[in-house]
PDB file of N, CA and C in Angstrom:
ATOM      1  N   MET A   1     104.446 -91.591 -17.782  1.00  0.00           N
ATOM      2  CA  MET A   1     105.175 -90.473 -17.219  1.00  0.00           C
ATOM      3  C   MET A   1     105.723 -90.804 -15.835  1.00  0.00           C
ATOM      4  N   TRP A   2     105.045 -91.729 -15.147  1.00  0.00           N
ATOM      5  CA  TRP A   2     105.477 -92.067 -13.790  1.00  0.00           C
ATOM      6  C   TRP A   2     106.859 -92.709 -13.800  1.00  0.00           C
ATOM      7  N   THR A   3     107.141 -93.518 -14.799  1.00  0.00           N
ATOM      8  CA  THR A   3     108.414 -94.237 -14.835  1.00  0.00           C
ATOM      9  C   THR A   3     109.371 -93.690 -15.896  1.00  0.00           C
ATOM     10  N   ALA A   4     109.125 -92.498 -16.399  1.00  0.00           N
ATOM     11  CA  ALA A   4     109.972 -91.917 -17.450  1.00  0.00           C
ATOM     12  C   ALA A   4     111.398 -91.738 -16.955  1.00  0.00           C
ATOM     13  N   ASP A   5     112.343 -91.992 -17.869  1.00  0.00           N
ATOM     14  CA  ASP A   5     113.761 -91.800 -17.553  1.00  0.00           C
ATOM     15  C   ASP A   5     114.060 -90.307 -17.577  1.00  0.00           C
ATOM     16  N   VAL A   6     114.705 -89.826 -16.529  1.00  0.00           N
ATOM     17  CA  VAL A   6     114.980 -88.395 -16.397  1.00  0.00           C
ATOM     18  C   VAL A   6     116.473 -88.158 -16.482  1.00  0.00           C
ATOM     19  N   THR A   7     116.870 -87.238 -17.356  1.00  0.00           N
ATOM     20  CA  THR A   7     118.274 -86.842 -17.436  1.00  0.00           C
ATOM     21  C   THR A   7     118.337 -85.331 -17.205  1.00  0.00           C
ATOM     22  N   PRO A   8     119.125 -84.908 -16.236  1.00  0.00           N
ATOM     23  CA  PRO A   8     119.204 -83.470 -15.972  1.00  0.00           C
ATOM     24  C   PRO A   8     119.835 -82.730 -17.145  1.00  0.00           C
ATOM     25  N   HIS A   9     119.334 -81.536 -17.402  1.00  0.00           N
ATOM     26  CA  HIS A   9     119.840 -80.696 -18.485  1.00  0.00           C
ATOM     27  C   HIS A   9     120.828 -79.690 -17.930  1.00  0.00           C
ATOM     28  N   ALA A  10     121.850 -79.409 -18.693  1.00  0.00           N
ATOM     29  CA  ALA A  10     122.829 -78.402 -18.283  1.00  0.00           C
ATOM     30  C   ALA A  10     122.275 -77.016 -18.591  1.00  0.00           C
ATOM     31  N   LEU A  11     122.612 -76.042 -17.745  1.00  0.00           N
ATOM     32  CA  LEU A  11     122.198 -74.666 -17.980  1.00  0.00           C
ATOM     33  C   LEU A  11     122.949 -74.111 -19.180  1.00  0.00           C
ATOM     34  N   ASP A  12     122.236 -73.342 -19.988  1.00  0.00           N
ATOM     35  CA  ASP A  12     122.894 -72.652 -21.097  1.00  0.00           C
ATOM     36  C   ASP A  12     123.667 -71.485 -20.515  1.00  0.00           C
ATOM     37  N   THR A  13     124.959 -71.466 -20.761  1.00  0.00           N
ATOM     38  CA  THR A  13     125.773 -70.387 -20.228  1.00  0.00           C
ATOM     39  C   THR A  13     126.522 -69.702 -21.344  1.00  0.00           C
ATOM     40  N   ILE A  14     126.697 -68.399 -21.208  1.00  0.00           N
ATOM     41  CA  ILE A  14     127.479 -67.601 -22.137  1.00  0.00           C
ATOM     42  C   ILE A  14     128.692 -67.118 -21.365  1.00  0.00           C
ATOM     43  N   PRO A  15     129.897 -67.277 -21.907  1.00  0.00           N
ATOM     44  CA  PRO A  15     131.080 -66.819 -21.185  1.00  0.00           C
ATOM     45  C   PRO A  15     130.989 -65.335 -20.848  1.00  0.00           C
ATOM     46  N   LEU A  16     131.399 -64.988 -19.621  1.00  0.00           N
ATOM     47  CA  LEU A  16     131.292 -63.606 -19.163  1.00  0.00           C
ATOM     48  C   LEU A  16     132.193 -62.652 -19.923  1.00  0.00           C
ATOM     49  N   SER A  17     133.250 -63.139 -20.535  1.00  0.00           N
ATOM     50  CA  SER A  17     134.205 -62.258 -21.193  1.00  0.00           C
ATOM     51  C   SER A  17     133.797 -61.903 -22.618  1.00  0.00           C
ATOM     52  N   SER A  18     132.776 -62.561 -23.147  1.00  0.00           N
ATOM     53  CA  SER A  18     132.431 -62.311 -24.543  1.00  0.00           C
ATOM     54  C   SER A  18     131.637 -61.014 -24.693  1.00  0.00           C
ATOM     55  N   GLY A  19     131.861 -60.339 -25.809  1.00  0.00           N
ATOM     56  CA  GLY A  19     131.113 -59.118 -26.108  1.00  0.00           C
ATOM     57  C   GLY A  19     129.666 -59.418 -26.414  1.00  0.00           C
ATOM     58  N   ALA A  20     129.387 -60.639 -26.906  1.00  0.00           N
ATOM     59  CA  ALA A  20     128.011 -61.027 -27.206  1.00  0.00           C
ATOM     60  C   ALA A  20     127.171 -61.057 -25.944  1.00  0.00           C
ATOM     61  N   TRP A  21     127.791 -61.424 -24.833  1.00  0.00           N
ATOM     62  CA  TRP A  21     127.064 -61.474 -23.557  1.00  0.00           C
ATOM     63  C   TRP A  21     126.551 -60.089 -23.186  1.00  0.00           C
ATOM     64  N   ARG A  22     127.408 -59.074 -23.340  1.00  0.00           N
ATOM     65  CA  ARG A  22     126.999 -57.707 -23.009  1.00  0.00           C
ATOM     66  C   ARG A  22     125.888 -57.228 -23.928  1.00  0.00           C
ATOM     67  N   ARG A  23     125.990 -57.541 -25.208  1.00  0.00           N
ATOM     68  CA  ARG A  23     124.940 -57.145 -26.155  1.00  0.00           C
ATOM     69  C   ARG A  23     123.629 -57.846 -25.813  1.00  0.00           C
ATOM     70  N   ASP A  24     123.710 -59.129 -25.453  1.00  0.00           N
ATOM     71  CA  ASP A  24     122.501 -59.876 -25.105  1.00  0.00           C
ATOM     72  C   ASP A  24     121.844 -59.312 -23.850  1.00  0.00           C
ATOM     73  N   ILE A  25     122.643 -58.928 -22.862  1.00  0.00           N
ATOM     74  CA  ILE A  25     122.092 -58.363 -21.635  1.00  0.00           C
ATOM     75  C   ILE A  25     121.386 -57.049 -21.940  1.00  0.00           C
ATOM     76  N   PHE A  26     122.022 -56.170 -22.717  1.00  0.00           N
ATOM     77  CA  PHE A  26     121.410 -54.894 -23.065  1.00  0.00           C
ATOM     78  C   PHE A  26     120.147 -55.105 -23.885  1.00  0.00           C
ATOM     79  N   LYS A  27     120.208 -56.027 -24.837  1.00  0.00           N
ATOM     80  CA  LYS A  27     119.047 -56.325 -25.677  1.00  0.00           C
ATOM     81  C   LYS A  27     117.897 -56.869 -24.828  1.00  0.00           C
ATOM     82  N   SER A  28     118.203 -57.762 -23.898  1.00  0.00           N
ATOM     83  CA  SER A  28     117.167 -58.313 -23.018  1.00  0.00           C
ATOM     84  C   SER A  28     116.580 -57.240 -22.115  1.00  0.00           C
ATOM     85  N   PHE A  29     117.431 -56.358 -21.579  1.00  0.00           N
ATOM     86  CA  PHE A  29     116.961 -55.272 -20.736  1.00  0.00           C
ATOM     87  C   PHE A  29     116.037 -54.351 -21.512  1.00  0.00           C
ATOM     88  N   LEU A  30     116.446 -53.967 -22.713  1.00  0.00           N
ATOM     89  CA  LEU A  30     115.636 -53.073 -23.540  1.00  0.00           C
ATOM     90  C   LEU A  30     114.320 -53.732 -23.917  1.00  0.00           C
ATOM     91  N   GLN A  31     114.358 -54.998 -24.279  1.00  0.00           N
ATOM     92  CA  GLN A  31     113.142 -55.717 -24.637  1.00  0.00           C
ATOM     93  C   GLN A  31     112.179 -55.792 -23.443  1.00  0.00           C
ATOM     94  N   GLY A  32     112.698 -56.116 -22.271  1.00  0.00           N
ATOM     95  CA  GLY A  32     111.851 -56.174 -21.077  1.00  0.00           C
ATOM     96  C   GLY A  32     111.263 -54.826 -20.722  1.00  0.00           C
ATOM     97  N   PHE A  33     112.067 -53.769 -20.849  1.00  0.00           N
ATOM     98  CA  PHE A  33     111.562 -52.430 -20.562  1.00  0.00           C
ATOM     99  C   PHE A  33     110.448 -52.049 -21.525  1.00  0.00           C
ATOM    100  N   LEU A  34     110.636 -52.301 -22.811  1.00  0.00           N
ATOM    101  CA  LEU A  34     109.617 -51.941 -23.800  1.00  0.00           C
ATOM    102  C   LEU A  34     108.333 -52.744 -23.607  1.00  0.00           C
ATOM    103  N   ILE A  35     108.458 -54.008 -23.236  1.00  0.00           N
ATOM    104  CA  ILE A  35     107.267 -54.816 -22.974  1.00  0.00           C
ATOM    105  C   ILE A  35     106.517 -54.274 -21.757  1.00  0.00           C
ATOM    106  N   SER A  36     107.253 -53.942 -20.705  1.00  0.00           N
ATOM    107  CA  SER A  36     106.611 -53.421 -19.500  1.00  0.00           C
ATOM    108  C   SER A  36     106.007 -52.041 -19.745  1.00  0.00           C
ATOM    109  N   ALA A  37     106.717 -51.192 -20.474  1.00  0.00           N
ATOM    110  CA  ALA A  37     106.235 -49.824 -20.707  1.00  0.00           C
ATOM    111  C   ALA A  37     105.025 -49.789 -21.631  1.00  0.00           C
ATOM    112  N   SER A  38     104.880 -50.800 -22.492  1.00  0.00           N
ATOM    113  CA  SER A  38     103.734 -50.814 -23.409  1.00  0.00           C
ATOM    114  C   SER A  38     102.586 -51.686 -22.905  1.00  0.00           C
ATOM    115  N   ASN A  39     102.675 -52.169 -21.682  1.00  0.00           N
ATOM    116  CA  ASN A  39     101.628 -52.989 -21.086  1.00  0.00           C
ATOM    117  C   ASN A  39     100.400 -52.114 -20.815  1.00  0.00           C
ATOM    118  N   PRO A  40      99.239 -52.455 -21.368  1.00  0.00           N
ATOM    119  CA  PRO A  40      98.049 -51.617 -21.175  1.00  0.00           C
ATOM    120  C   PRO A  40      97.643 -51.467 -19.705  1.00  0.00           C
ATOM    121  N   LYS A  41      97.872 -52.501 -18.904  1.00  0.00           N
ATOM    122  CA  LYS A  41      97.515 -52.387 -17.480  1.00  0.00           C
ATOM    123  C   LYS A  41      98.367 -51.335 -16.786  1.00  0.00           C
ATOM    124  N   VAL A  42      99.632 -51.282 -17.134  1.00  0.00           N
ATOM    125  CA  VAL A  42     100.520 -50.281 -16.538  1.00  0.00           C
ATOM    126  C   VAL A  42     100.122 -48.887 -16.995  1.00  0.00           C
ATOM    127  N   ILE A  43      99.832 -48.746 -18.278  1.00  0.00           N
ATOM    128  CA  ILE A  43      99.421 -47.441 -18.807  1.00  0.00           C
ATOM    129  C   ILE A  43      98.136 -46.979 -18.121  1.00  0.00           C
ATOM    130  N   LEU A  44      97.171 -47.875 -17.982  1.00  0.00           N
ATOM    131  CA  LEU A  44      95.913 -47.516 -17.304  1.00  0.00           C
ATOM    132  C   LEU A  44      96.149 -47.155 -15.844  1.00  0.00           C
ATOM    133  N   PHE A  45      97.084 -47.845 -15.191  1.00  0.00           N
ATOM    134  CA  PHE A  45      97.396 -47.505 -13.803  1.00  0.00           C
ATOM    135  C   PHE A  45      97.885 -46.074 -13.706  1.00  0.00           C
ATOM    136  N   TYR A  46      98.832 -45.715 -14.565  1.00  0.00           N
ATOM    137  CA  TYR A  46      99.401 -44.366 -14.491  1.00  0.00           C
ATOM    138  C   TYR A  46      98.388 -43.306 -14.901  1.00  0.00           C
ATOM    139  N   ILE A  47      97.497 -43.618 -15.815  1.00  0.00           N
ATOM    140  CA  ILE A  47      96.497 -42.633 -16.243  1.00  0.00           C
ATOM    141  C   ILE A  47      95.382 -42.503 -15.208  1.00  0.00           C
ATOM    142  N   ALA A  48      94.931 -43.615 -14.643  1.00  0.00           N
ATOM    143  CA  ALA A  48      93.752 -43.595 -13.776  1.00  0.00           C
ATOM    144  C   ALA A  48      94.078 -43.442 -12.292  1.00  0.00           C
ATOM    145  N   PHE A  49      95.040 -44.194 -11.803  1.00  0.00           N
ATOM    146  CA  PHE A  49      95.247 -44.238 -10.354  1.00  0.00           C
ATOM    147  C   PHE A  49      96.317 -43.287  -9.838  1.00  0.00           C
ATOM    148  N   LEU A  50      97.338 -43.047 -10.615  1.00  0.00           N
ATOM    149  CA  LEU A  50      98.422 -42.182 -10.135  1.00  0.00           C
ATOM    150  C   LEU A  50      97.935 -40.785  -9.754  1.00  0.00           C
ATOM    151  N   PRO A  51      97.064 -40.152 -10.551  1.00  0.00           N
ATOM    152  CA  PRO A  51      96.587 -38.811 -10.153  1.00  0.00           C
ATOM    153  C   PRO A  51      95.792 -38.795  -8.841  1.00  0.00           C
ATOM    154  N   THR A  52      95.274 -39.947  -8.417  1.00  0.00           N
ATOM    155  CA  THR A  52      94.564 -39.968  -7.131  1.00  0.00           C
ATOM    156  C   THR A  52      95.535 -39.939  -5.959  1.00  0.00           C
ATOM    157  N   PHE A  53      96.784 -40.342  -6.186  1.00  0.00           N
ATOM    158  CA  PHE A  53      97.784 -40.339  -5.127  1.00  0.00           C
ATOM    159  C   PHE A  53      98.664 -39.096  -5.152  1.00  0.00           C
ATOM    160  N   ILE A  54      98.874 -38.549  -6.320  1.00  0.00           N
ATOM    161  CA  ILE A  54      99.756 -37.390  -6.484  1.00  0.00           C
ATOM    162  C   ILE A  54      99.004 -36.317  -7.261  1.00  0.00           C
ATOM    163  N   ASP A  55      98.956 -35.102  -6.726  1.00  0.00           N
ATOM    164  CA  ASP A  55      98.326 -33.986  -7.426  1.00  0.00           C
ATOM    165  C   ASP A  55      99.301 -33.483  -8.487  1.00  0.00           C
ATOM    166  N   LEU A  56      99.025 -33.838  -9.731  1.00  0.00           N
ATOM    167  CA  LEU A  56      99.946 -33.532 -10.816  1.00  0.00           C
ATOM    168  C   LEU A  56      99.985 -32.042 -11.158  1.00  0.00           C
ATOM    169  N   THR A  57      98.982 -31.282 -10.729  1.00  0.00           N
ATOM    170  CA  THR A  57      98.940 -29.853 -11.054  1.00  0.00           C
ATOM    171  C   THR A  57      99.942 -29.040 -10.240  1.00  0.00           C
ATOM    172  N   VAL A  58     100.368 -29.551  -9.091  1.00  0.00           N
ATOM    173  CA  VAL A  58     101.286 -28.786  -8.249  1.00  0.00           C
ATOM    174  C   VAL A  58     102.737 -29.254  -8.372  1.00  0.00           C
ATOM    175  N   LEU A  59     102.985 -30.250  -9.199  1.00  0.00           N
ATOM    176  CA  LEU A  59     104.350 -30.749  -9.352  1.00  0.00           C
ATOM    177  C   LEU A  59     105.165 -29.840 -10.269  1.00  0.00           C
ATOM    178  N   ASN A  60     106.374 -29.548  -9.848  1.00  0.00           N
ATOM    179  CA  ASN A  60     107.276 -28.819 -10.730  1.00  0.00           C
ATOM    180  C   ASN A  60     108.215 -29.822 -11.399  1.00  0.00           C
ATOM    181  N   ARG A  61     109.165 -29.327 -12.165  1.00  0.00           N
ATOM    182  CA  ARG A  61     110.048 -30.196 -12.949  1.00  0.00           C
ATOM    183  C   ARG A  61     110.851 -31.148 -12.055  1.00  0.00           C
ATOM    184  N   SER A  62     111.411 -30.663 -10.959  1.00  0.00           N
ATOM    185  CA  SER A  62     112.214 -31.535 -10.088  1.00  0.00           C
ATOM    186  C   SER A  62     111.344 -32.592  -9.405  1.00  0.00           C
ATOM    187  N   ASP A  63     110.105 -32.233  -9.053  1.00  0.00           N
ATOM    188  CA  ASP A  63     109.192 -33.218  -8.467  1.00  0.00           C
ATOM    189  C   ASP A  63     108.862 -34.327  -9.475  1.00  0.00           C
ATOM    190  N   MET A  64     108.679 -33.941 -10.727  1.00  0.00           N
ATOM    191  CA  MET A  64     108.376 -34.936 -11.764  1.00  0.00           C
ATOM    192  C   MET A  64     109.555 -35.900 -11.940  1.00  0.00           C
ATOM    193  N   PHE A  65     110.785 -35.342 -11.928  1.00  0.00           N
ATOM    194  CA  PHE A  65     111.959 -36.207 -12.030  1.00  0.00           C
ATOM    195  C   PHE A  65     112.050 -37.145 -10.834  1.00  0.00           C
ATOM    196  N   LEU A  66     111.690 -36.653  -9.656  1.00  0.00           N
ATOM    197  CA  LEU A  66     111.700 -37.496  -8.464  1.00  0.00           C
ATOM    198  C   LEU A  66     110.673 -38.621  -8.578  1.00  0.00           C
ATOM    199  N   VAL A  67     109.467 -38.305  -9.028  1.00  0.00           N
ATOM    200  CA  VAL A  67     108.420 -39.320  -9.190  1.00  0.00           C
ATOM    201  C   VAL A  67     108.848 -40.351 -10.227  1.00  0.00           C
ATOM    202  N   VAL A  68     109.375 -39.886 -11.353  1.00  0.00           N
ATOM    203  CA  VAL A  68     109.817 -40.805 -12.407  1.00  0.00           C
ATOM    204  C   VAL A  68     110.969 -41.671 -11.899  1.00  0.00           C
ATOM    205  N   GLY A  69     111.913 -41.065 -11.202  1.00  0.00           N
ATOM    206  CA  GLY A  69     113.046 -41.822 -10.680  1.00  0.00           C
ATOM    207  C   GLY A  69     112.634 -42.877  -9.667  1.00  0.00           C
ATOM    208  N   LEU A  70     111.758 -42.495  -8.732  1.00  0.00           N
ATOM    209  CA  LEU A  70     111.290 -43.463  -7.735  1.00  0.00           C
ATOM    210  C   LEU A  70     110.492 -44.594  -8.379  1.00  0.00           C
ATOM    211  N   THR A  71     109.689 -44.248  -9.372  1.00  0.00           N
ATOM    212  CA  THR A  71     108.918 -45.269 -10.075  1.00  0.00           C
ATOM    213  C   THR A  71     109.848 -46.222 -10.808  1.00  0.00           C
ATOM    214  N   LEU A  72     110.845 -45.672 -11.481  1.00  0.00           N
ATOM    215  CA  LEU A  72     111.801 -46.505 -12.206  1.00  0.00           C
ATOM    216  C   LEU A  72     112.560 -47.427 -11.254  1.00  0.00           C
ATOM    217  N   VAL A  73     113.017 -46.902 -10.129  1.00  0.00           N
ATOM    218  CA  VAL A  73     113.744 -47.722  -9.157  1.00  0.00           C
ATOM    219  C   VAL A  73     112.831 -48.814  -8.593  1.00  0.00           C
ATOM    220  N   GLY A  74     111.590 -48.456  -8.268  1.00  0.00           N
ATOM    221  CA  GLY A  74     110.644 -49.442  -7.735  1.00  0.00           C
ATOM    222  C   GLY A  74     110.344 -50.547  -8.732  1.00  0.00           C
ATOM    223  N   LEU A  75     110.117 -50.164  -9.986  1.00  0.00           N
ATOM    224  CA  LEU A  75     109.843 -51.168 -11.015  1.00  0.00           C
ATOM    225  C   LEU A  75     111.060 -52.050 -11.264  1.00  0.00           C
ATOM    226  N   MET A  76     112.233 -51.451 -11.302  1.00  0.00           N
ATOM    227  CA  MET A  76     113.449 -52.234 -11.531  1.00  0.00           C
ATOM    228  C   MET A  76     113.682 -53.225 -10.397  1.00  0.00           C
ATOM    229  N   MET A  77     113.464 -52.787  -9.163  1.00  0.00           N
ATOM    230  CA  MET A  77     113.651 -53.696  -8.028  1.00  0.00           C
ATOM    231  C   MET A  77     112.666 -54.859  -8.108  1.00  0.00           C
ATOM    232  N   GLY A  78     111.416 -54.560  -8.450  1.00  0.00           N
ATOM    233  CA  GLY A  78     110.422 -55.621  -8.577  1.00  0.00           C
ATOM    234  C   GLY A  78     110.753 -56.595  -9.689  1.00  0.00           C
ATOM    235  N   LEU A  79     111.151 -56.065 -10.835  1.00  0.00           N
ATOM    236  CA  LEU A  79     111.488 -56.930 -11.967  1.00  0.00           C
ATOM    237  C   LEU A  79     112.749 -57.741 -11.701  1.00  0.00           C
ATOM    238  N   MET A  80     113.704 -57.151 -10.997  1.00  0.00           N
ATOM    239  CA  MET A  80     114.919 -57.899 -10.667  1.00  0.00           C
ATOM    240  C   MET A  80     114.615 -59.024  -9.682  1.00  0.00           C
ATOM    241  N   LEU A  81     113.677 -58.791  -8.775  1.00  0.00           N
ATOM    242  CA  LEU A  81     113.266 -59.844  -7.849  1.00  0.00           C
ATOM    243  C   LEU A  81     112.603 -60.994  -8.609  1.00  0.00           C
ATOM    244  N   VAL A  82     111.726 -60.668  -9.553  1.00  0.00           N
ATOM    245  CA  VAL A  82     111.084 -61.695 -10.370  1.00  0.00           C
ATOM    246  C   VAL A  82     112.129 -62.458 -11.183  1.00  0.00           C
ATOM    247  N   ALA A  83     113.089 -61.741 -11.767  1.00  0.00           N
ATOM    248  CA  ALA A  83     114.143 -62.392 -12.554  1.00  0.00           C
ATOM    249  C   ALA A  83     114.990 -63.316 -11.681  1.00  0.00           C
ATOM    250  N   SER A  84     115.270 -62.897 -10.449  1.00  0.00           N
ATOM    251  CA  SER A  84     116.056 -63.725  -9.540  1.00  0.00           C
ATOM    252  C   SER A  84     115.315 -65.016  -9.200  1.00  0.00           C
ATOM    253  N   PHE A  85     114.018 -64.907  -8.901  1.00  0.00           N
ATOM    254  CA  PHE A  85     113.233 -66.103  -8.605  1.00  0.00           C
ATOM    255  C   PHE A  85     113.119 -67.003  -9.833  1.00  0.00           C
ATOM    256  N   ALA A  86     112.969 -66.410 -11.020  1.00  0.00           N
ATOM    257  CA  ALA A  86     112.880 -67.206 -12.249  1.00  0.00           C
ATOM    258  C   ALA A  86     114.176 -67.955 -12.498  1.00  0.00           C
ATOM    259  N   SER A  87     115.304 -67.321 -12.226  1.00  0.00           N
ATOM    260  CA  SER A  87     116.598 -67.979 -12.400  1.00  0.00           C
ATOM    261  C   SER A  87     116.746 -69.149 -11.435  1.00  0.00           C
ATOM    262  N   SER A  88     116.330 -68.942 -10.195  1.00  0.00           N
ATOM    263  CA  SER A  88     116.397 -70.030  -9.202  1.00  0.00           C
ATOM    264  C   SER A  88     115.468 -71.173  -9.596  1.00  0.00           C
ATOM    265  N   ALA A  89     114.262 -70.837 -10.069  1.00  0.00           N
ATOM    266  CA  ALA A  89     113.311 -71.869 -10.477  1.00  0.00           C
ATOM    267  C   ALA A  89     113.834 -72.633 -11.686  1.00  0.00           C
ATOM    268  N   ARG A  90     114.482 -71.926 -12.598  1.00  0.00           N
ATOM    269  CA  ARG A  90     115.042 -72.585 -13.775  1.00  0.00           C
ATOM    270  C   ARG A  90     116.093 -73.608 -13.365  1.00  0.00           C
ATOM    271  N   ARG A  91     116.974 -73.212 -12.464  1.00  0.00           N
ATOM    272  CA  ARG A  91     118.002 -74.148 -11.995  1.00  0.00           C
ATOM    273  C   ARG A  91     117.366 -75.345 -11.287  1.00  0.00           C
ATOM    274  N   PHE A  92     116.345 -75.073 -10.476  1.00  0.00           N
ATOM    275  CA  PHE A  92     115.690 -76.159  -9.733  1.00  0.00           C
ATOM    276  C   PHE A  92     115.011 -77.137 -10.681  1.00  0.00           C
ATOM    277  N   PHE A  93     114.254 -76.626 -11.654  1.00  0.00           N
ATOM    278  CA  PHE A  93     113.482 -77.508 -12.531  1.00  0.00           C
ATOM    279  C   PHE A  93     114.339 -78.233 -13.560  1.00  0.00           C
ATOM    280  N   GLN A  94     115.616 -77.890 -13.657  1.00  0.00           N
ATOM    281  CA  GLN A  94     116.497 -78.644 -14.540  1.00  0.00           C
ATOM    282  C   GLN A  94     117.184 -79.790 -13.812  1.00  0.00           C
ATOM    283  N   SER A  95     116.937 -79.929 -12.526  1.00  0.00           N
ATOM    284  CA  SER A  95     117.525 -81.043 -11.786  1.00  0.00           C
ATOM    285  C   SER A  95     116.710 -82.313 -12.038  1.00  0.00           C
ATOM    286  N   ALA A  96     117.368 -83.449 -11.911  1.00  0.00           N
ATOM    287  CA  ALA A  96     116.700 -84.732 -12.133  1.00  0.00           C
ATOM    288  C   ALA A  96     115.578 -84.946 -11.122  1.00  0.00           C
ATOM    289  N   ARG A  97     115.804 -84.528  -9.886  1.00  0.00           N
ATOM    290  CA  ARG A  97     114.793 -84.704  -8.829  1.00  0.00           C
ATOM    291  C   ARG A  97     113.516 -83.929  -9.150  1.00  0.00           C
ATOM    292  N   ALA A  98     113.665 -82.675  -9.599  1.00  0.00           N
ATOM    293  CA  ALA A  98     112.491 -81.857  -9.915  1.00  0.00           C
ATOM    294  C   ALA A  98     111.763 -82.395 -11.144  1.00  0.00           C
ATOM    295  N   GLN A  99     112.522 -82.847 -12.139  1.00  0.00           N
ATOM    296  CA  GLN A  99     111.885 -83.394 -13.332  1.00  0.00           C
ATOM    297  C   GLN A  99     111.121 -84.680 -13.013  1.00  0.00           C
ATOM    298  N   LYS A 100     111.689 -85.484 -12.138  1.00  0.00           N
ATOM    299  CA  LYS A 100     111.004 -86.719 -11.731  1.00  0.00           C
ATOM    300  C   LYS A 100     109.710 -86.377 -10.985  1.00  0.00           C
ATOM    301  N   GLY A 101     109.778 -85.388 -10.097  1.00  0.00           N
ATOM    302  CA  GLY A 101     108.578 -84.967  -9.370  1.00  0.00           C
ATOM    303  C   GLY A 101     107.522 -84.383 -10.291  1.00  0.00           C
ATOM    304  N   THR A 102     107.952 -83.603 -11.272  1.00  0.00           N
ATOM    305  CA  THR A 102     107.009 -83.024 -12.236  1.00  0.00           C
ATOM    306  C   THR A 102     106.359 -84.128 -13.064  1.00  0.00           C
ATOM    307  N   ASN A 103     107.152 -85.083 -13.524  1.00  0.00           N
ATOM    308  CA  ASN A 103     106.596 -86.200 -14.299  1.00  0.00           C
ATOM    309  C   ASN A 103     105.606 -87.012 -13.469  1.00  0.00           C
ATOM    310  N   ARG A 104     105.946 -87.262 -12.226  1.00  0.00           N
ATOM    311  CA  ARG A 104     105.037 -88.047 -11.382  1.00  0.00           C
ATOM    312  C   ARG A 104     103.756 -87.279 -11.064  1.00  0.00           C
ATOM    313  N   THR A 105     103.864 -85.978 -10.868  1.00  0.00           N
ATOM    314  CA  THR A 105     102.667 -85.176 -10.633  1.00  0.00           C
ATOM    315  C   THR A 105     101.770 -85.180 -11.860  1.00  0.00           C
ATOM    316  N   ALA A 106     102.365 -84.976 -13.044  1.00  0.00           N
ATOM    317  CA  ALA A 106     101.577 -84.988 -14.274  1.00  0.00           C
ATOM    318  C   ALA A 106     100.971 -86.365 -14.528  1.00  0.00           C
ATOM    319  N   GLY A 107     101.735 -87.424 -14.277  1.00  0.00           N
ATOM    320  CA  GLY A 107     101.213 -88.775 -14.442  1.00  0.00           C
ATOM    321  C   GLY A 107     100.058 -89.054 -13.493  1.00  0.00           C
ATOM    322  N   SER A 108     100.178 -88.592 -12.267  1.00  0.00           N
ATOM    323  CA  SER A 108      99.097 -88.783 -11.290  1.00  0.00           C
ATOM    324  C   SER A 108      97.837 -88.039 -11.715  1.00  0.00           C
ATOM    325  N   LEU A 109      98.005 -86.834 -12.240  1.00  0.00           N
ATOM    326  CA  LEU A 109      96.842 -86.077 -12.724  1.00  0.00           C
ATOM    327  C   LEU A 109      96.164 -86.780 -13.896  1.00  0.00           C
ATOM    328  N   MET A 110      96.964 -87.386 -14.776  1.00  0.00           N
ATOM    329  CA  MET A 110      96.381 -88.111 -15.900  1.00  0.00           C
ATOM    330  C   MET A 110      95.628 -89.349 -15.437  1.00  0.00           C
ATOM    331  N   VAL A 111      96.188 -90.069 -14.473  1.00  0.00           N
ATOM    332  CA  VAL A 111      95.501 -91.244 -13.922  1.00  0.00           C
ATOM    333  C   VAL A 111      94.206 -90.810 -13.233  1.00  0.00           C
ATOM    334  N   ALA A 112      94.255 -89.716 -12.481  1.00  0.00           N
ATOM    335  CA  ALA A 112      93.057 -89.219 -11.806  1.00  0.00           C
ATOM    336  C   ALA A 112      91.995 -88.787 -12.821  1.00  0.00           C
ATOM    337  N   ALA A 113      92.409 -88.128 -13.895  1.00  0.00           N
ATOM    338  CA  ALA A 113      91.450 -87.725 -14.928  1.00  0.00           C
ATOM    339  C   ALA A 113      90.844 -88.954 -15.599  1.00  0.00           C
ATOM    340  N   GLY A 114      91.663 -89.971 -15.867  1.00  0.00           N
ATOM    341  CA  GLY A 114      91.134 -91.207 -16.443  1.00  0.00           C
ATOM    342  C   GLY A 114      90.159 -91.905 -15.498  1.00  0.00           C
ATOM    343  N   ALA A 115      90.498 -91.945 -14.213  1.00  0.00           N
ATOM    344  CA  ALA A 115      89.593 -92.565 -13.234  1.00  0.00           C
ATOM    345  C   ALA A 115      88.282 -91.790 -13.131  1.00  0.00           C
ATOM    346  N   PHE A 116      88.358 -90.471 -13.222  1.00  0.00           N
ATOM    347  CA  PHE A 116      87.157 -89.644 -13.196  1.00  0.00           C
ATOM    348  C   PHE A 116      86.271 -89.943 -14.404  1.00  0.00           C
ATOM    349  N   LEU A 117      86.886 -90.059 -15.594  1.00  0.00           N
ATOM    350  CA  LEU A 117      86.101 -90.357 -16.804  1.00  0.00           C
ATOM    351  C   LEU A 117      85.475 -91.750 -16.740  1.00  0.00           C
ATOM    352  N   VAL A 118      86.205 -92.712 -16.192  1.00  0.00           N
ATOM    353  CA  VAL A 118      85.648 -94.058 -16.038  1.00  0.00           C
ATOM    354  C   VAL A 118      84.482 -94.039 -15.060  1.00  0.00           C
ATOM    355  N   ALA A 119      84.624 -93.296 -13.954  1.00  0.00           N
ATOM    356  CA  ALA A 119      83.568 -93.240 -12.943  1.00  0.00           C
ATOM    357  C   ALA A 119      82.331 -92.532 -13.485  1.00  0.00           C
ATOM    358  N   LYS A 120      82.521 -91.526 -14.339  1.00  0.00           N
ATOM    359  CA  LYS A 120      81.384 -90.782 -14.907  1.00  0.00           C
ATOM    360  C   LYS A 120      80.658 -91.596 -15.978  1.00  0.00           C
ATOM    361  N   GLY A 121      81.388 -92.445 -16.703  1.00  0.00           N
ATOM    362  CA  GLY A 121      80.817 -93.161 -17.844  1.00  0.00           C
ATOM    363  C   GLY A 121      80.163 -94.395 -17.460  1.00  0.00           C
TER     364      GLY A 121
END
């Protein structure tokens, strides 16, 4: 792995003008929302911890819409930040320099594991 030949990979791109791009974006958004909304940790948070911060018995309809709206905006901002970092990391790790560094790190770990096994045996 230390001396492996590295060739950078091109990013998969979909033309912005295609209708398939819009369908894929909506499909990805819906899929991400459903995964997040069905996450048991999130459900437990809203059932267990949210009532300790907000007295649900005194909320009227407009207050509930405000809480839901703020929660949705907060979650969307957080998820968009994660998506932005993932996109940057994807571009970085497709470069030849990053792949070479990853290969050398993995190769070094394998050599270290082999040296550890030799020393133990």
